[in-house]
């Protein structure tokens, strides 16, 4: 697991992934974080579009 993921897990005090055999799965906490991250990325894209529309 990458250093960045371990640091994020430490900051959140949560386990985000679990490994079963050779496969890696999101935990419930990981799924919840994914939902928030998806919302954040969508808002950033929406903001970009709005700002671009205002400057044209």
PDB file of N, CA and C in Angstrom:
ATOM      1  N   UNK A   1       0.847  -1.182   0.000  1.00  0.00           N
ATOM      2  CA  UNK A   1       0.000   0.000   0.000  1.00  0.00           C
ATOM      3  C   UNK A   1       0.886   1.238   0.000  1.00  0.00           C
ATOM      4  N   UNK A   2       0.451   2.248  -0.698  1.00  0.00           N
ATOM      5  CA  UNK A   2       1.300   3.422  -0.848  1.00  0.00           C
ATOM      6  C   UNK A   2       1.402   4.229   0.436  1.00  0.00           C
ATOM      7  N   UNK A   3       2.451   4.991   0.512  1.00  0.00           N
ATOM      8  CA  UNK A   3       2.688   5.853   1.672  1.00  0.00           C
ATOM      9  C   UNK A   3       1.554   6.864   1.811  1.00  0.00           C
ATOM     10  N   UNK A   4       1.081   7.406   0.689  1.00  0.00           N
ATOM     11  CA  UNK A   4       0.018   8.408   0.728  1.00  0.00           C
ATOM     12  C   UNK A   4      -1.261   7.829   1.329  1.00  0.00           C
ATOM     13  N   UNK A   5      -1.594   6.613   0.964  1.00  0.00           N
ATOM     14  CA  UNK A   5      -2.807   5.985   1.494  1.00  0.00           C
ATOM     15  C   UNK A   5      -2.652   5.740   2.986  1.00  0.00           C
ATOM     16  N   UNK A   6      -1.507   5.270   3.400  1.00  0.00           N
ATOM     17  CA  UNK A   6      -1.280   5.044   4.840  1.00  0.00           C
ATOM     18  C   UNK A   6      -1.396   6.349   5.616  1.00  0.00           C
ATOM     19  N   UNK A   7      -0.834   7.422   5.072  1.00  0.00           N
ATOM     20  CA  UNK A   7      -0.926   8.724   5.740  1.00  0.00           C
ATOM     21  C   UNK A   7      -2.372   9.190   5.831  1.00  0.00           C
ATOM     22  N   UNK A   8      -3.120   9.006   4.762  1.00  0.00           N
ATOM     23  CA  UNK A   8      -4.527   9.393   4.762  1.00  0.00           C
ATOM     24  C   UNK A   8      -5.305   8.582   5.796  1.00  0.00           C
ATOM     25  N   UNK A   9      -5.048   7.288   5.855  1.00  0.00           N
ATOM     26  CA  UNK A   9      -5.709   6.443   6.852  1.00  0.00           C
ATOM     27  C   UNK A   9      -5.371   6.902   8.267  1.00  0.00           C
ATOM     28  N   UNK A  10      -4.136   7.299   8.482  1.00  0.00           N
ATOM     29  CA  UNK A  10      -3.738   7.800   9.802  1.00  0.00           C
ATOM     30  C   UNK A  10      -4.469   9.095  10.131  1.00  0.00           C
ATOM     31  N   UNK A  11      -4.557   9.997   9.163  1.00  0.00           N
ATOM     32  CA  UNK A  11      -5.238  11.274   9.387  1.00  0.00           C
ATOM     33  C   UNK A  11      -6.714  11.074   9.690  1.00  0.00           C
ATOM     34  N   UNK A  12      -7.328  10.121   9.012  1.00  0.00           N
ATOM     35  CA  UNK A  12      -8.758   9.866   9.185  1.00  0.00           C
ATOM     36  C   UNK A  12      -9.045   8.896  10.324  1.00  0.00           C
ATOM     37  N   UNK A  13      -7.994   8.260  10.827  1.00  0.00           N
ATOM     38  CA  UNK A  13      -8.139   7.210  11.839  1.00  0.00           C
ATOM     39  C   UNK A  13      -9.132   6.154  11.350  1.00  0.00           C
ATOM     40  N   UNK A  14      -8.893   5.696  10.117  1.00  0.00           N
ATOM     41  CA  UNK A  14      -9.791   4.735   9.487  1.00  0.00           C
ATOM     42  C   UNK A  14      -9.002   3.850   8.531  1.00  0.00           C
ATOM     43  N   UNK A  15      -9.496   2.639   8.340  1.00  0.00           N
ATOM     44  CA  UNK A  15      -8.936   1.728   7.344  1.00  0.00           C
ATOM     45  C   UNK A  15      -9.778   1.888   6.084  1.00  0.00           C
ATOM     46  N   UNK A  16      -9.133   2.220   4.972  1.00  0.00           N
ATOM     47  CA  UNK A  16      -9.859   2.497   3.737  1.00  0.00           C
ATOM     48  C   UNK A  16      -9.915   1.302   2.790  1.00  0.00           C
ATOM     49  N   UNK A  17      -8.943   0.413   2.886  1.00  0.00           N
ATOM     50  CA  UNK A  17      -8.873  -0.752   2.012  1.00  0.00           C
ATOM     51  C   UNK A  17      -8.635  -2.005   2.827  1.00  0.00           C
ATOM     52  N   UNK A  18      -9.127  -3.128   2.303  1.00  0.00           N
ATOM     53  CA  UNK A  18      -8.777  -4.416   2.882  1.00  0.00           C
ATOM     54  C   UNK A  18      -8.348  -5.334   1.747  1.00  0.00           C
ATOM     55  N   UNK A  19      -7.382  -6.164   2.042  1.00  0.00           N
ATOM     56  CA  UNK A  19      -6.876  -7.086   1.037  1.00  0.00           C
ATOM     57  C   UNK A  19      -7.373  -8.476   1.376  1.00  0.00           C
ATOM     58  N   UNK A  20      -8.004  -9.112   0.396  1.00  0.00           N
ATOM     59  CA  UNK A  20      -8.463 -10.487   0.535  1.00  0.00           C
ATOM     60  C   UNK A  20      -7.816 -11.262  -0.598  1.00  0.00           C
ATOM     61  N   UNK A  21      -6.885 -12.116  -0.233  1.00  0.00           N
ATOM     62  CA  UNK A  21      -6.103 -12.805  -1.254  1.00  0.00           C
ATOM     63  C   UNK A  21      -5.270 -11.789  -2.004  1.00  0.00           C
ATOM     64  N   UNK A  22      -5.389 -11.806  -3.319  1.00  0.00           N
ATOM     65  CA  UNK A  22      -4.634 -10.855  -4.136  1.00  0.00           C
ATOM     66  C   UNK A  22      -5.466  -9.630  -4.508  1.00  0.00           C
ATOM     67  N   UNK A  23      -6.716  -9.598  -4.068  1.00  0.00           N
ATOM     68  CA  UNK A  23      -7.600  -8.489  -4.422  1.00  0.00           C
ATOM     69  C   UNK A  23      -7.693  -7.487  -3.281  1.00  0.00           C
ATOM     70  N   UNK A  24      -7.900  -6.230  -3.647  1.00  0.00           N
ATOM     71  CA  UNK A  24      -8.032  -5.149  -2.669  1.00  0.00           C
ATOM     72  C   UNK A  24      -9.421  -4.543  -2.827  1.00  0.00           C
ATOM     73  N   UNK A  25     -10.094  -4.351  -1.702  1.00  0.00           N
ATOM     74  CA  UNK A  25     -11.452  -3.826  -1.687  1.00  0.00           C
ATOM     75  C   UNK A  25     -11.537  -2.597  -0.797  1.00  0.00           C
ATOM     76  N   UNK A  26     -12.467  -1.700  -1.126  1.00  0.00           N
ATOM     77  CA  UNK A  26     -12.746  -0.574  -0.248  1.00  0.00           C
ATOM     78  C   UNK A  26     -13.523  -1.072   0.968  1.00  0.00           C
ATOM     79  N   UNK A  27     -13.177  -0.552   2.127  1.00  0.00           N
ATOM     80  CA  UNK A  27     -13.967  -0.814   3.325  1.00  0.00           C
ATOM     81  C   UNK A  27     -15.173   0.127   3.293  1.00  0.00           C
ATOM     82  N   UNK A  28     -16.055   0.010   4.269  1.00  0.00           N
ATOM     83  CA  UNK A  28     -17.190   0.931   4.349  1.00  0.00           C
ATOM     84  C   UNK A  28     -16.698   2.371   4.475  1.00  0.00           C
ATOM     85  N   UNK A  29     -15.649   2.581   5.294  1.00  0.00           N
ATOM     86  CA  UNK A  29     -15.075   3.925   5.415  1.00  0.00           C
ATOM     87  C   UNK A  29     -14.493   4.382   4.083  1.00  0.00           C
ATOM     88  N   UNK A  30     -13.854   3.478   3.367  1.00  0.00           N
ATOM     89  CA  UNK A  30     -13.302   3.809   2.060  1.00  0.00           C
ATOM     90  C   UNK A  30     -14.387   4.191   1.067  1.00  0.00           C
ATOM     91  N   UNK A  31     -15.506   3.477   1.110  1.00  0.00           N
ATOM     92  CA  UNK A  31     -16.629   3.793   0.227  1.00  0.00           C
ATOM     93  C   UNK A  31     -17.199   5.171   0.549  1.00  0.00           C
ATOM     94  N   UNK A  32     -17.314   5.483   1.833  1.00  0.00           N
ATOM     95  CA  UNK A  32     -17.843   6.786   2.241  1.00  0.00           C
ATOM     96  C   UNK A  32     -16.903   7.902   1.782  1.00  0.00           C
ATOM     97  N   UNK A  33     -15.581   7.708   1.969  1.00  0.00           N
ATOM     98  CA  UNK A  33     -14.614   8.709   1.520  1.00  0.00           C
ATOM     99  C   UNK A  33     -14.691   8.888   0.005  1.00  0.00           C
ATOM    100  N   UNK A  34     -14.859   7.802  -0.726  1.00  0.00           N
ATOM    101  CA  UNK A  34     -14.988   7.868  -2.181  1.00  0.00           C
ATOM    102  C   UNK A  34     -16.182   8.738  -2.574  1.00  0.00           C
ATOM    103  N   UNK A  35     -17.303   8.566  -1.874  1.00  0.00           N
ATOM    104  CA  UNK A  35     -18.491   9.374  -2.164  1.00  0.00           C
ATOM    105  C   UNK A  35     -18.193  10.863  -1.987  1.00  0.00           C
ATOM    106  N   UNK A  36     -17.513  11.203  -0.894  1.00  0.00           N
ATOM    107  CA  UNK A  36     -17.163  12.605  -0.657  1.00  0.00           C
ATOM    108  C   UNK A  36     -16.182  13.116  -1.706  1.00  0.00           C
ATOM    109  N   UNK A  37     -15.191  12.320  -2.047  1.00  0.00           N
ATOM    110  CA  UNK A  37     -14.204  12.731  -3.053  1.00  0.00           C
ATOM    111  C   UNK A  37     -14.882  12.964  -4.400  1.00  0.00           C
ATOM    112  N   UNK A  38     -15.814  12.098  -4.753  1.00  0.00           N
ATOM    113  CA  UNK A  38     -16.546  12.245  -6.008  1.00  0.00           C
ATOM    114  C   UNK A  38     -17.326  13.558  -6.019  1.00  0.00           C
ATOM    115  N   UNK A  39     -17.970  13.878  -4.908  1.00  0.00           N
ATOM    116  CA  UNK A  39     -18.704  15.148  -4.807  1.00  0.00           C
ATOM    117  C   UNK A  39     -17.759  16.339  -4.947  1.00  0.00           C
ATOM    118  N   UNK A  40     -16.605  16.248  -4.309  1.00  0.00           N
ATOM    119  CA  UNK A  40     -15.623  17.337  -4.384  1.00  0.00           C
ATOM    120  C   UNK A  40     -15.171  17.556  -5.823  1.00  0.00           C
ATOM    121  N   UNK A  41     -14.821  16.475  -6.522  1.00  0.00           N
ATOM    122  CA  UNK A  41     -14.370  16.604  -7.910  1.00  0.00           C
ATOM    123  C   UNK A  41     -15.475  17.170  -8.801  1.00  0.00           C
ATOM    124  N   UNK A  42     -16.708  16.746  -8.569  1.00  0.00           N
ATOM    125  CA  UNK A  42     -17.826  17.286  -9.352  1.00  0.00           C
ATOM    126  C   UNK A  42     -18.010  18.775  -9.096  1.00  0.00           C
ATOM    127  N   UNK A  43     -17.878  19.196  -7.842  1.00  0.00           N
ATOM    128  CA  UNK A  43     -18.002  20.617  -7.516  1.00  0.00           C
ATOM    129  C   UNK A  43     -16.878  21.442  -8.139  1.00  0.00           C
ATOM    130  N   UNK A  44     -15.670  20.904  -8.143  1.00  0.00           N
ATOM    131  CA  UNK A  44     -14.542  21.611  -8.767  1.00  0.00           C
ATOM    132  C   UNK A  44     -14.798  21.779 -10.263  1.00  0.00           C
ATOM    133  N   UNK A  45     -15.269  20.724 -10.911  1.00  0.00           N
ATOM    134  CA  UNK A  45     -15.571  20.819 -12.345  1.00  0.00           C
ATOM    135  C   UNK A  45     -16.687  21.821 -12.606  1.00  0.00           C
ATOM    136  N   UNK A  46     -17.709  21.811 -11.752  1.00  0.00           N
ATOM    137  CA  UNK A  46     -18.807  22.769 -11.889  1.00  0.00           C
ATOM    138  C   UNK A  46     -18.296  24.198 -11.714  1.00  0.00           C
ATOM    139  N   UNK A  47     -17.427  24.402 -10.748  1.00  0.00           N
ATOM    140  CA  UNK A  47     -16.858  25.733 -10.519  1.00  0.00           C
ATOM    141  C   UNK A  47     -16.050  26.188 -11.729  1.00  0.00           C
ATOM    142  N   UNK A  48     -15.251  25.289 -12.303  1.00  0.00           N
ATOM    143  CA  UNK A  48     -14.469  25.632 -13.496  1.00  0.00           C
ATOM    144  C   UNK A  48     -15.378  26.078 -14.633  1.00  0.00           C
ATOM    145  N   UNK A  49     -16.451  25.314 -14.858  1.00  0.00           N
ATOM    146  CA  UNK A  49     -17.376  25.657 -15.937  1.00  0.00           C
ATOM    147  C   UNK A  49     -18.030  27.010 -15.685  1.00  0.00           C
ATOM    148  N   UNK A  50     -18.429  27.250 -14.455  1.00  0.00           N
ATOM    149  CA  UNK A  50     -19.067  28.520 -14.109  1.00  0.00           C
ATOM    150  C   UNK A  50     -18.108  29.681 -14.301  1.00  0.00           C
ATOM    151  N   UNK A  51     -16.890  29.516 -13.842  1.00  0.00           N
ATOM    152  CA  UNK A  51     -15.887  30.579 -13.976  1.00  0.00           C
ATOM    153  C   UNK A  51     -15.563  30.828 -15.442  1.00  0.00           C
ATOM    154  N   UNK A  52     -15.426  29.755 -16.216  1.00  0.00           N
ATOM    155  CA  UNK A  52     -15.149  29.911 -17.651  1.00  0.00           C
ATOM    156  C   UNK A  52     -16.294  30.612 -18.361  1.00  0.00           C
ATOM    157  N   UNK A  53     -17.535  30.304 -17.985  1.00  0.00           N
ATOM    158  CA  UNK A  53     -18.694  30.963 -18.590  1.00  0.00           C
ATOM    159  C   UNK A  53     -18.716  32.450 -18.254  1.00  0.00           C
ATOM    160  N   UNK A  54     -18.254  32.806 -17.061  1.00  0.00           N
ATOM    161  CA  UNK A  54     -18.262  34.202 -16.628  1.00  0.00           C
ATOM    162  C   UNK A  54     -17.197  35.020 -17.345  1.00  0.00           C
ATOM    163  N   UNK A  55     -16.119  34.360 -17.774  1.00  0.00           N
ATOM    164  CA  UNK A  55     -15.004  35.090 -18.383  1.00  0.00           C
ATOM    165  C   UNK A  55     -15.115  35.175 -19.902  1.00  0.00           C
ATOM    166  N   UNK A  56     -16.103  34.521 -20.462  1.00  0.00           N
ATOM    167  CA  UNK A  56     -16.250  34.528 -21.934  1.00  0.00           C
ATOM    168  C   UNK A  56     -17.193  35.627 -22.354  1.00  0.00           C
TER     169      UNK A  56
END
